[in-house]
Amino acid sequence: MTKEEIRTVSLAKLQLGEAETFLDIGTGTGTMAIEAAYSYPKLKVTTIDSNQAALDILKKNQNKFQLTNIKSVLGKAPINLTERFDAIFVGGTGGNLSEILEWSFRRLQTRGCLVLNFILIEHAIEATKWLENNNHLYQAIQLQVGHYTKLGQGHYFKGQNPVIIIESRKEG
């Protein structure tokens, strides 16, 4: 599950305000898709995940928030989709990152935005090498959030796992 603060930064980087279509790859329980669909009711959201139980949770939350603009696909990307997307988020790859990156850029509209989240440095390195080798510009940040937590008589910021966020655009 993409934590709230990471989700906020990732969604901001996707710049969905002008987007019509959004693809969430490796959606899991769909926190990114739910927030995007809720925040942008006219946005057409497509999700892909290989875990039916996770998609069932997404569907439950979709119904809870009465969101009719999400379509979920059970499968492992890359899959056969005809749509093109203004924005693509990759939250999980299932181990075939290079294929997903290549496929994502084929499915992405010109000037469309791709945002990827990683907790493993090796996956981020693989992504940046692929982007460089395929002449795609990108920006990368590492974000770590700490939550204010009581400890005995005092308080501290309990650190969450750091997340690497990579953003790239499909140039014309």
Protein backbone atom coordinates (compact mmCIF):
# COMPACT_ATOMS: atom_id res chain seq x y z
CA MET A 1 0.00 0.00 0.00
CA THR A 2 1.35 3.40 -0.99
CA LYS A 3 1.40 5.50 2.16
CA GLU A 4 -0.47 8.81 2.22
CA GLU A 5 2.52 11.15 2.04
CA ILE A 6 4.21 9.15 -0.74
CA ARG A 7 0.88 9.00 -2.58
CA THR A 8 0.49 12.78 -2.32
CA VAL A 9 3.92 13.46 -3.86
CA SER A 10 3.50 10.78 -6.55
CA LEU A 11 0.06 12.08 -7.55
CA ALA A 12 1.40 15.64 -7.71
CA LYS A 13 4.18 14.50 -10.04
CA LEU A 14 1.64 12.77 -12.30
CA GLN A 15 -0.11 16.14 -12.89
CA LEU A 16 -3.55 14.58 -13.31
CA GLY A 17 -5.44 17.89 -13.40
CA GLU A 18 -5.37 18.04 -17.21
CA ALA A 19 -5.26 14.27 -17.78
CA GLU A 20 -8.13 12.25 -19.20
CA THR A 21 -6.67 8.77 -18.73
CA PHE A 22 -4.53 7.22 -16.00
CA LEU A 23 -3.01 3.73 -15.71
CA ASP A 24 -1.94 2.26 -12.36
CA ILE A 25 0.38 -0.74 -12.88
CA GLY A 26 0.82 -3.08 -9.93
CA THR A 27 -2.06 -1.33 -8.20
CA GLY A 28 -2.30 -3.73 -5.26
CA THR A 29 -5.22 -2.59 -3.12
CA GLY A 30 -5.51 0.53 -5.26
CA THR A 31 -4.73 3.43 -2.94
CA MET A 32 -3.27 5.47 -5.84
CA ALA A 33 -6.17 4.63 -8.15
CA ILE A 34 -8.81 5.38 -5.51
CA GLU A 35 -7.32 8.75 -4.62
CA ALA A 36 -6.83 9.71 -8.28
CA ALA A 37 -10.40 8.70 -9.21
CA TYR A 38 -11.83 10.49 -6.18
CA SER A 39 -9.80 13.67 -6.73
CA TYR A 40 -10.47 13.80 -10.48
CA PRO A 41 -14.00 12.45 -11.14
CA LYS A 42 -13.69 12.88 -14.94
CA LEU A 43 -10.44 10.90 -15.04
CA LYS A 44 -10.69 7.41 -16.57
CA VAL A 45 -8.59 5.16 -14.33
CA THR A 46 -7.38 1.71 -15.37
CA THR A 47 -5.63 -0.58 -12.89
CA ILE A 48 -3.62 -3.75 -13.45
CA ASP A 49 -2.65 -6.28 -10.82
CA SER A 50 -2.00 -10.03 -10.77
CA ASN A 51 -3.49 -10.52 -7.29
CA GLN A 52 -7.26 -11.07 -7.29
CA ALA A 53 -7.52 -10.60 -3.50
CA ALA A 54 -5.91 -7.15 -3.80
CA LEU A 55 -8.27 -6.20 -6.63
CA ASP A 56 -11.21 -7.34 -4.49
CA ILE A 57 -10.14 -4.86 -1.80
CA LEU A 58 -9.81 -2.15 -4.46
CA LYS A 59 -13.35 -2.95 -5.68
CA LYS A 60 -14.69 -2.76 -2.11
CA ASN A 61 -13.12 0.70 -1.67
CA GLN A 62 -14.31 1.76 -5.11
CA ASN A 63 -17.87 0.91 -4.06
CA LYS A 64 -17.43 2.59 -0.67
CA PHE A 65 -16.51 5.88 -2.37
CA GLN A 66 -19.04 5.33 -5.20
CA LEU A 67 -16.38 5.65 -7.89
CA THR A 68 -17.53 4.67 -11.36
CA ASN A 69 -14.39 5.82 -13.19
CA ILE A 70 -12.13 2.86 -12.32
CA LYS A 71 -11.71 -0.24 -14.50
CA SER A 72 -9.57 -3.05 -13.07
CA VAL A 73 -7.77 -5.72 -15.07
CA LEU A 74 -6.48 -8.95 -13.54
CA GLY A 75 -3.10 -9.72 -15.04
CA LYS A 76 0.61 -9.03 -15.04
CA ALA A 77 1.86 -6.09 -17.09
CA PRO A 78 2.62 -5.80 -19.87
CA ILE A 79 -0.81 -6.87 -21.10
CA ASN A 80 -2.79 -6.29 -24.28
CA LEU A 81 -4.42 -2.87 -23.90
CA THR A 82 -5.45 -0.67 -26.80
CA GLU A 83 -5.86 2.54 -24.79
CA ARG A 84 -3.21 5.22 -24.52
CA PHE A 85 -2.72 7.09 -21.28
CA ASP A 86 -1.89 10.63 -20.22
CA ALA A 87 -0.27 9.38 -17.01
CA ILE A 88 1.06 6.03 -15.82
CA PHE A 89 2.05 5.04 -12.30
CA VAL A 90 4.15 1.96 -11.58
CA GLY A 91 3.86 0.77 -8.01
CA GLY A 92 4.76 -2.88 -8.58
CA THR A 93 6.47 -4.74 -11.40
CA GLY A 94 6.40 -8.43 -10.58
CA GLY A 95 10.03 -8.66 -11.65
CA ASN A 96 9.77 -7.56 -15.30
CA LEU A 97 10.64 -3.88 -14.98
CA SER A 98 12.34 -3.41 -18.37
CA GLU A 99 9.37 -4.88 -20.23
CA ILE A 100 6.97 -2.70 -18.24
CA LEU A 101 9.00 0.45 -18.99
CA GLU A 102 9.15 -0.31 -22.71
CA TRP A 103 5.41 -1.10 -22.81
CA SER A 104 4.53 1.96 -20.69
CA PHE A 105 6.25 4.35 -23.07
CA ARG A 106 4.35 2.76 -25.99
CA ARG A 107 1.05 3.23 -24.12
CA LEU A 108 1.88 6.78 -22.96
CA GLN A 109 0.60 9.81 -24.88
CA THR A 110 3.16 12.35 -26.09
CA ARG A 111 4.08 14.61 -23.13
CA GLY A 112 2.50 12.03 -20.85
CA CYS A 113 4.00 11.44 -17.43
CA LEU A 114 5.38 8.20 -15.98
CA VAL A 115 5.98 7.96 -12.22
CA LEU A 116 7.57 4.94 -10.57
CA ASN A 117 7.92 4.14 -6.86
CA PHE A 118 10.58 1.80 -5.48
CA ILE A 119 11.79 0.75 -2.08
CA LEU A 120 14.68 -1.32 -3.46
CA ILE A 121 17.68 0.66 -4.71
CA GLU A 122 18.46 -2.04 -7.28
CA HIS A 123 15.07 -1.57 -8.95
CA ALA A 124 15.54 2.21 -9.07
CA ILE A 125 18.99 1.74 -10.62
CA GLU A 126 17.54 -0.66 -13.20
CA ALA A 127 14.85 1.90 -14.05
CA THR A 128 17.25 4.84 -14.37
CA LYS A 129 19.66 2.80 -16.53
CA TRP A 130 16.77 1.81 -18.80
CA LEU A 131 15.59 5.42 -19.04
CA GLU A 132 19.12 6.64 -19.85
CA ASN A 133 19.74 3.86 -22.41
CA ASN A 134 16.46 4.77 -24.13
CA ASN A 135 17.13 8.54 -24.08
CA HIS A 136 14.38 9.48 -21.64
CA LEU A 137 15.00 12.36 -19.27
CA TYR A 138 14.00 11.75 -15.66
CA GLN A 139 14.10 13.13 -12.16
CA ALA A 140 14.54 11.00 -9.06
CA ILE A 141 14.01 11.76 -5.40
CA GLN A 142 14.18 9.71 -2.23
CA LEU A 143 11.48 10.49 0.30
CA GLN A 144 11.25 9.30 3.88
CA VAL A 145 8.42 10.20 6.20
CA GLY A 146 8.51 10.14 9.98
CA HIS A 147 5.35 10.09 12.07
CA TYR A 148 5.22 11.86 15.43
CA THR A 149 5.01 9.04 18.00
CA LYS A 150 4.91 8.89 21.79
CA LEU A 151 7.76 7.01 23.45
CA GLY A 152 7.64 6.79 27.22
CA GLN A 153 7.55 10.35 28.55
CA GLY A 154 8.70 11.84 25.26
CA HIS A 155 8.05 11.79 21.55
CA TYR A 156 9.99 11.02 18.40
CA PHE A 157 9.47 10.77 14.66
CA LYS A 158 9.10 7.08 13.81
CA GLY A 159 10.63 6.65 10.36
CA GLN A 160 8.82 4.85 7.57
CA ASN A 161 10.67 3.04 4.79
CA PRO A 162 12.31 5.46 2.35
CA VAL A 163 10.79 5.43 -1.14
CA ILE A 164 12.50 6.36 -4.39
CA ILE A 165 10.21 8.27 -6.76
CA ILE A 166 11.23 8.53 -10.42
CA GLU A 167 9.42 10.80 -12.87
CA SER A 168 9.82 10.83 -16.65
CA ARG A 169 7.90 12.28 -19.61
CA LYS A 170 7.38 10.96 -23.09
CA GLU A 171 8.82 13.58 -25.41
CA GLY A 172 7.41 14.26 -28.87
